[in-house]
N, C-alpha and C. Protein backbone atom coordinates (compact mmCIF):
# COMPACT_ATOMS: atom_id res chain seq x y z
N MET A 1 -38.89 18.41 -42.30
CA MET A 1 -39.77 17.49 -41.63
C MET A 1 -40.85 16.98 -42.58
N GLU A 2 -41.39 17.88 -43.37
CA GLU A 2 -42.47 17.48 -44.27
C GLU A 2 -42.00 16.45 -45.29
N LEU A 3 -40.81 16.64 -45.86
CA LEU A 3 -40.28 15.66 -46.82
C LEU A 3 -40.03 14.31 -46.15
N MET A 4 -39.50 14.34 -44.95
CA MET A 4 -39.26 13.09 -44.24
C MET A 4 -40.58 12.36 -44.00
N SER A 5 -41.61 13.10 -43.59
CA SER A 5 -42.93 12.50 -43.36
C SER A 5 -43.47 11.86 -44.63
N LEU A 6 -43.34 12.55 -45.74
CA LEU A 6 -43.81 12.01 -47.02
C LEU A 6 -43.05 10.74 -47.39
N TYR A 7 -41.74 10.74 -47.17
CA TYR A 7 -40.91 9.57 -47.46
C TYR A 7 -41.38 8.36 -46.64
N TRP A 8 -41.53 8.54 -45.32
CA TRP A 8 -41.93 7.44 -44.46
C TRP A 8 -43.33 6.95 -44.79
N LYS A 9 -44.21 7.87 -45.13
CA LYS A 9 -45.57 7.48 -45.49
C LYS A 9 -45.58 6.66 -46.77
N GLU A 10 -44.84 7.13 -47.77
CA GLU A 10 -44.80 6.44 -49.06
C GLU A 10 -44.08 5.10 -48.96
N LYS A 11 -42.95 5.07 -48.29
CA LYS A 11 -42.13 3.86 -48.26
C LYS A 11 -42.63 2.82 -47.26
N TYR A 12 -43.11 3.26 -46.09
CA TYR A 12 -43.44 2.33 -45.02
C TYR A 12 -44.88 2.45 -44.49
N GLY A 13 -45.67 3.35 -45.04
CA GLY A 13 -47.03 3.55 -44.56
C GLY A 13 -47.08 4.17 -43.18
N ALA A 14 -46.01 4.84 -42.78
CA ALA A 14 -45.93 5.44 -41.45
C ALA A 14 -46.69 6.76 -41.38
N LYS A 15 -47.10 7.10 -40.15
CA LYS A 15 -47.81 8.34 -39.88
C LYS A 15 -46.97 9.18 -38.92
N VAL A 16 -47.24 10.49 -38.91
CA VAL A 16 -46.49 11.40 -38.05
C VAL A 16 -47.46 12.31 -37.30
N ILE A 17 -47.16 12.50 -36.03
CA ILE A 17 -47.82 13.53 -35.23
C ILE A 17 -46.69 14.46 -34.80
N SER A 18 -46.85 15.75 -35.06
CA SER A 18 -45.76 16.67 -34.72
C SER A 18 -46.28 17.93 -34.04
N THR A 19 -45.41 18.53 -33.28
CA THR A 19 -45.64 19.82 -32.64
C THR A 19 -44.41 20.66 -32.92
N ASP A 20 -44.37 21.87 -32.40
CA ASP A 20 -43.18 22.71 -32.56
C ASP A 20 -42.00 22.15 -31.78
N GLU A 21 -42.28 21.30 -30.77
CA GLU A 21 -41.21 20.78 -29.91
C GLU A 21 -40.71 19.40 -30.29
N GLY A 22 -41.47 18.65 -31.12
CA GLY A 22 -41.04 17.30 -31.45
C GLY A 22 -42.01 16.58 -32.35
N TYR A 23 -41.72 15.31 -32.56
CA TYR A 23 -42.61 14.50 -33.39
C TYR A 23 -42.54 13.04 -32.97
N ILE A 24 -43.58 12.31 -33.37
CA ILE A 24 -43.63 10.87 -33.17
C ILE A 24 -44.00 10.26 -34.52
N LEU A 25 -43.21 9.31 -34.96
CA LEU A 25 -43.39 8.63 -36.25
C LEU A 25 -43.75 7.18 -35.94
N TYR A 26 -44.85 6.69 -36.51
CA TYR A 26 -45.33 5.37 -36.12
C TYR A 26 -46.10 4.69 -37.24
N ASN A 27 -46.32 3.40 -37.05
CA ASN A 27 -47.21 2.61 -37.91
C ASN A 27 -48.35 2.10 -37.06
N ALA A 28 -49.56 2.11 -37.62
CA ALA A 28 -50.73 1.55 -36.97
C ALA A 28 -51.11 0.28 -37.73
N TYR A 29 -51.45 -0.77 -37.00
CA TYR A 29 -51.73 -2.06 -37.62
C TYR A 29 -53.16 -2.52 -37.35
N GLU A 30 -53.61 -3.45 -38.16
CA GLU A 30 -54.98 -3.96 -38.09
C GLU A 30 -55.27 -4.68 -36.77
N ASP A 31 -54.25 -5.19 -36.09
CA ASP A 31 -54.47 -5.87 -34.81
C ASP A 31 -54.62 -4.88 -33.65
N ASN A 32 -54.77 -3.61 -33.99
CA ASN A 32 -54.96 -2.53 -33.02
C ASN A 32 -53.71 -2.24 -32.20
N SER A 33 -52.55 -2.49 -32.78
CA SER A 33 -51.30 -2.12 -32.14
C SER A 33 -50.64 -1.01 -32.97
N VAL A 34 -49.73 -0.31 -32.34
CA VAL A 34 -48.92 0.67 -33.06
C VAL A 34 -47.46 0.41 -32.73
N TYR A 35 -46.60 0.77 -33.68
CA TYR A 35 -45.16 0.63 -33.48
C TYR A 35 -44.55 2.01 -33.67
N ILE A 36 -43.99 2.54 -32.61
CA ILE A 36 -43.32 3.84 -32.69
C ILE A 36 -41.95 3.63 -33.30
N ARG A 37 -41.75 4.23 -34.46
CA ARG A 37 -40.46 4.11 -35.14
C ARG A 37 -39.47 5.15 -34.63
N GLU A 38 -39.97 6.35 -34.38
CA GLU A 38 -39.11 7.43 -33.89
C GLU A 38 -39.92 8.34 -32.97
N LEU A 39 -39.27 8.81 -31.94
CA LEU A 39 -39.81 9.86 -31.09
C LEU A 39 -38.67 10.84 -30.89
N PHE A 40 -38.91 12.09 -31.27
CA PHE A 40 -37.86 13.10 -31.12
C PHE A 40 -38.44 14.33 -30.47
N VAL A 41 -37.70 14.84 -29.47
CA VAL A 41 -38.05 16.08 -28.80
C VAL A 41 -36.81 16.98 -28.85
N LYS A 42 -37.03 18.26 -29.23
CA LYS A 42 -35.91 19.20 -29.27
C LYS A 42 -35.23 19.26 -27.91
N ARG A 43 -33.94 19.45 -27.94
CA ARG A 43 -33.13 19.44 -26.71
C ARG A 43 -33.70 20.39 -25.64
N GLU A 44 -34.07 21.60 -26.03
CA GLU A 44 -34.55 22.58 -25.06
C GLU A 44 -35.94 22.25 -24.49
N ALA A 45 -36.64 21.31 -25.11
CA ALA A 45 -37.98 20.92 -24.64
C ALA A 45 -37.97 19.59 -23.88
N ARG A 46 -36.83 18.98 -23.76
CA ARG A 46 -36.75 17.67 -23.10
C ARG A 46 -37.00 17.78 -21.60
N ASN A 47 -37.52 16.70 -21.03
CA ASN A 47 -37.85 16.61 -19.60
C ASN A 47 -38.94 17.59 -19.19
N LYS A 48 -39.80 17.93 -20.15
CA LYS A 48 -40.92 18.84 -19.88
C LYS A 48 -42.25 18.19 -20.25
N GLY A 49 -42.23 16.87 -20.50
CA GLY A 49 -43.47 16.18 -20.79
C GLY A 49 -43.90 16.16 -22.25
N VAL A 50 -43.05 16.64 -23.14
CA VAL A 50 -43.41 16.70 -24.56
C VAL A 50 -43.56 15.29 -25.14
N GLY A 51 -42.68 14.39 -24.79
CA GLY A 51 -42.80 13.01 -25.28
C GLY A 51 -44.10 12.37 -24.84
N LYS A 52 -44.48 12.59 -23.60
CA LYS A 52 -45.74 12.07 -23.07
C LYS A 52 -46.93 12.68 -23.80
N GLU A 53 -46.87 13.97 -24.09
CA GLU A 53 -47.93 14.64 -24.84
C GLU A 53 -48.08 14.03 -26.23
N LEU A 54 -46.96 13.75 -26.87
CA LEU A 54 -47.01 13.13 -28.20
C LEU A 54 -47.60 11.73 -28.12
N GLU A 55 -47.18 10.96 -27.11
CA GLU A 55 -47.74 9.63 -26.93
C GLU A 55 -49.24 9.71 -26.66
N ASP A 56 -49.66 10.67 -25.84
CA ASP A 56 -51.09 10.86 -25.56
C ASP A 56 -51.88 11.17 -26.83
N LYS A 57 -51.32 12.01 -27.68
CA LYS A 57 -51.98 12.33 -28.96
C LYS A 57 -52.09 11.10 -29.84
N LEU A 58 -51.04 10.28 -29.85
CA LEU A 58 -51.05 9.03 -30.60
C LEU A 58 -52.16 8.11 -30.08
N ILE A 59 -52.24 7.96 -28.78
CA ILE A 59 -53.26 7.10 -28.17
C ILE A 59 -54.66 7.62 -28.49
N GLU A 60 -54.85 8.92 -28.41
CA GLU A 60 -56.15 9.52 -28.72
C GLU A 60 -56.53 9.29 -30.18
N LYS A 61 -55.57 9.42 -31.06
CA LYS A 61 -55.83 9.28 -32.50
C LYS A 61 -56.07 7.83 -32.91
N GLU A 62 -55.25 6.91 -32.41
CA GLU A 62 -55.28 5.53 -32.89
C GLU A 62 -56.01 4.56 -31.95
N ASN A 63 -56.14 4.92 -30.68
CA ASN A 63 -56.78 4.07 -29.68
C ASN A 63 -56.23 2.63 -29.70
N PRO A 64 -54.91 2.47 -29.58
CA PRO A 64 -54.33 1.13 -29.65
C PRO A 64 -54.51 0.32 -28.37
N THR A 65 -54.41 -0.98 -28.50
CA THR A 65 -54.39 -1.87 -27.35
C THR A 65 -52.97 -2.00 -26.83
N PHE A 66 -52.01 -2.09 -27.75
CA PHE A 66 -50.58 -2.19 -27.41
C PHE A 66 -49.79 -1.18 -28.22
N ILE A 67 -48.74 -0.67 -27.60
CA ILE A 67 -47.76 0.18 -28.27
C ILE A 67 -46.41 -0.51 -28.17
N PHE A 68 -45.73 -0.61 -29.27
CA PHE A 68 -44.37 -1.17 -29.31
C PHE A 68 -43.41 -0.09 -29.76
N CYS A 69 -42.18 -0.21 -29.35
CA CYS A 69 -41.11 0.68 -29.81
C CYS A 69 -39.80 -0.05 -29.59
N ASP A 70 -38.71 0.55 -29.99
CA ASP A 70 -37.41 -0.05 -29.72
C ASP A 70 -36.38 1.01 -29.40
N ILE A 71 -35.35 0.58 -28.72
CA ILE A 71 -34.21 1.43 -28.40
C ILE A 71 -33.02 0.89 -29.19
N ASP A 72 -32.45 1.76 -30.00
CA ASP A 72 -31.26 1.40 -30.78
C ASP A 72 -30.04 1.53 -29.87
N LEU A 73 -29.43 0.42 -29.54
CA LEU A 73 -28.30 0.43 -28.61
C LEU A 73 -27.03 1.03 -29.20
N GLU A 74 -27.05 1.32 -30.49
CA GLU A 74 -25.90 1.96 -31.13
C GLU A 74 -26.08 3.48 -31.24
N SER A 75 -27.21 3.99 -30.76
CA SER A 75 -27.46 5.43 -30.79
C SER A 75 -26.71 6.11 -29.64
N ASN A 76 -26.69 7.42 -29.65
CA ASN A 76 -26.07 8.17 -28.56
C ASN A 76 -26.91 8.00 -27.30
N ASN A 77 -26.29 7.65 -26.22
CA ASN A 77 -26.94 7.56 -24.91
C ASN A 77 -28.19 6.69 -24.87
N PRO A 78 -28.13 5.45 -25.33
CA PRO A 78 -29.33 4.61 -25.30
C PRO A 78 -29.83 4.34 -23.89
N GLU A 79 -28.94 4.42 -22.90
CA GLU A 79 -29.34 4.17 -21.52
C GLU A 79 -30.34 5.22 -21.04
N ILE A 80 -30.14 6.46 -21.45
CA ILE A 80 -31.06 7.53 -21.06
C ILE A 80 -32.44 7.26 -21.63
N ALA A 81 -32.51 6.91 -22.90
CA ALA A 81 -33.80 6.61 -23.54
C ALA A 81 -34.46 5.41 -22.87
N LEU A 82 -33.69 4.41 -22.58
CA LEU A 82 -34.23 3.19 -21.96
C LEU A 82 -34.82 3.48 -20.58
N VAL A 83 -34.11 4.22 -19.76
CA VAL A 83 -34.61 4.57 -18.43
C VAL A 83 -35.87 5.43 -18.54
N GLN A 84 -35.85 6.40 -19.45
CA GLN A 84 -37.01 7.28 -19.61
C GLN A 84 -38.25 6.49 -19.99
N ILE A 85 -38.11 5.62 -20.96
CA ILE A 85 -39.28 4.92 -21.49
C ILE A 85 -39.79 3.83 -20.55
N ILE A 86 -38.91 3.22 -19.80
CA ILE A 86 -39.36 2.19 -18.84
C ILE A 86 -39.85 2.84 -17.56
N LYS A 87 -39.06 3.71 -16.98
CA LYS A 87 -39.40 4.29 -15.69
C LYS A 87 -40.52 5.32 -15.78
N LYS A 88 -40.44 6.24 -16.74
CA LYS A 88 -41.41 7.32 -16.81
C LYS A 88 -42.64 6.98 -17.64
N ALA A 89 -42.47 6.18 -18.69
CA ALA A 89 -43.60 5.93 -19.61
C ALA A 89 -44.25 4.57 -19.39
N GLY A 90 -43.67 3.72 -18.55
CA GLY A 90 -44.31 2.46 -18.19
C GLY A 90 -44.20 1.34 -19.21
N TYR A 91 -43.19 1.36 -20.06
CA TYR A 91 -42.99 0.27 -21.03
C TYR A 91 -42.25 -0.88 -20.36
N LYS A 92 -42.39 -2.06 -20.94
CA LYS A 92 -41.70 -3.25 -20.46
C LYS A 92 -40.89 -3.83 -21.61
N ILE A 93 -39.87 -4.59 -21.26
CA ILE A 93 -39.03 -5.22 -22.29
C ILE A 93 -39.78 -6.40 -22.89
N ASP A 94 -39.86 -6.43 -24.21
CA ASP A 94 -40.45 -7.55 -24.93
C ASP A 94 -39.35 -8.53 -25.32
N HIS A 95 -38.33 -8.03 -26.01
CA HIS A 95 -37.21 -8.88 -26.38
C HIS A 95 -36.05 -8.05 -26.90
N VAL A 96 -34.91 -8.68 -27.00
CA VAL A 96 -33.73 -8.11 -27.64
C VAL A 96 -33.65 -8.74 -29.01
N THR A 97 -33.41 -7.94 -30.03
CA THR A 97 -33.33 -8.48 -31.38
C THR A 97 -32.17 -9.45 -31.49
N PRO A 98 -32.24 -10.38 -32.45
CA PRO A 98 -31.15 -11.38 -32.60
C PRO A 98 -29.77 -10.75 -32.78
N SER A 99 -29.73 -9.57 -33.38
CA SER A 99 -28.44 -8.91 -33.57
C SER A 99 -27.89 -8.36 -32.26
N GLY A 100 -28.77 -8.21 -31.26
CA GLY A 100 -28.35 -7.64 -29.98
C GLY A 100 -28.21 -6.13 -30.02
N LYS A 101 -28.68 -5.49 -31.11
CA LYS A 101 -28.50 -4.05 -31.27
C LYS A 101 -29.73 -3.23 -30.93
N ARG A 102 -30.85 -3.89 -30.66
CA ARG A 102 -32.08 -3.18 -30.31
C ARG A 102 -32.82 -3.92 -29.21
N ILE A 103 -33.42 -3.14 -28.32
CA ILE A 103 -34.30 -3.69 -27.30
C ILE A 103 -35.71 -3.26 -27.68
N VAL A 104 -36.59 -4.23 -27.87
CA VAL A 104 -37.98 -3.95 -28.23
C VAL A 104 -38.79 -3.89 -26.94
N LEU A 105 -39.58 -2.85 -26.82
CA LEU A 105 -40.40 -2.61 -25.63
C LEU A 105 -41.87 -2.58 -26.00
N TYR A 106 -42.74 -2.78 -25.01
CA TYR A 106 -44.18 -2.69 -25.27
C TYR A 106 -44.89 -2.10 -24.07
N LYS A 107 -46.11 -1.65 -24.33
CA LYS A 107 -46.96 -1.10 -23.29
C LYS A 107 -48.39 -1.44 -23.64
N GLN A 108 -49.12 -2.00 -22.70
CA GLN A 108 -50.54 -2.24 -22.91
C GLN A 108 -51.27 -0.96 -22.48
N VAL A 109 -52.12 -0.48 -23.37
CA VAL A 109 -52.82 0.78 -23.11
C VAL A 109 -54.15 0.51 -22.43
């Protein structure tokens, strides 16, 4: 995890918030928005609020106006991620990428 964090920070300026159960990898921008690049929760910790806790830590740390993220439609079970993030986390669809392989979502904080 530490090497991956260093790679993302060096290559893309990304930041990481992690716990024993998961992590959130994101970029913070000058317009007071953040873009979540990855959110991962260990299988045994899923559906226990860990993702929400990570998002809350991100909001506390960065105090963004908007949060953006995307769902990779070529990943395993993208429907599960999409339902979770829209229904449970309150995100809305912003757009589908021109390739049709990602759905970009946003949330006003």
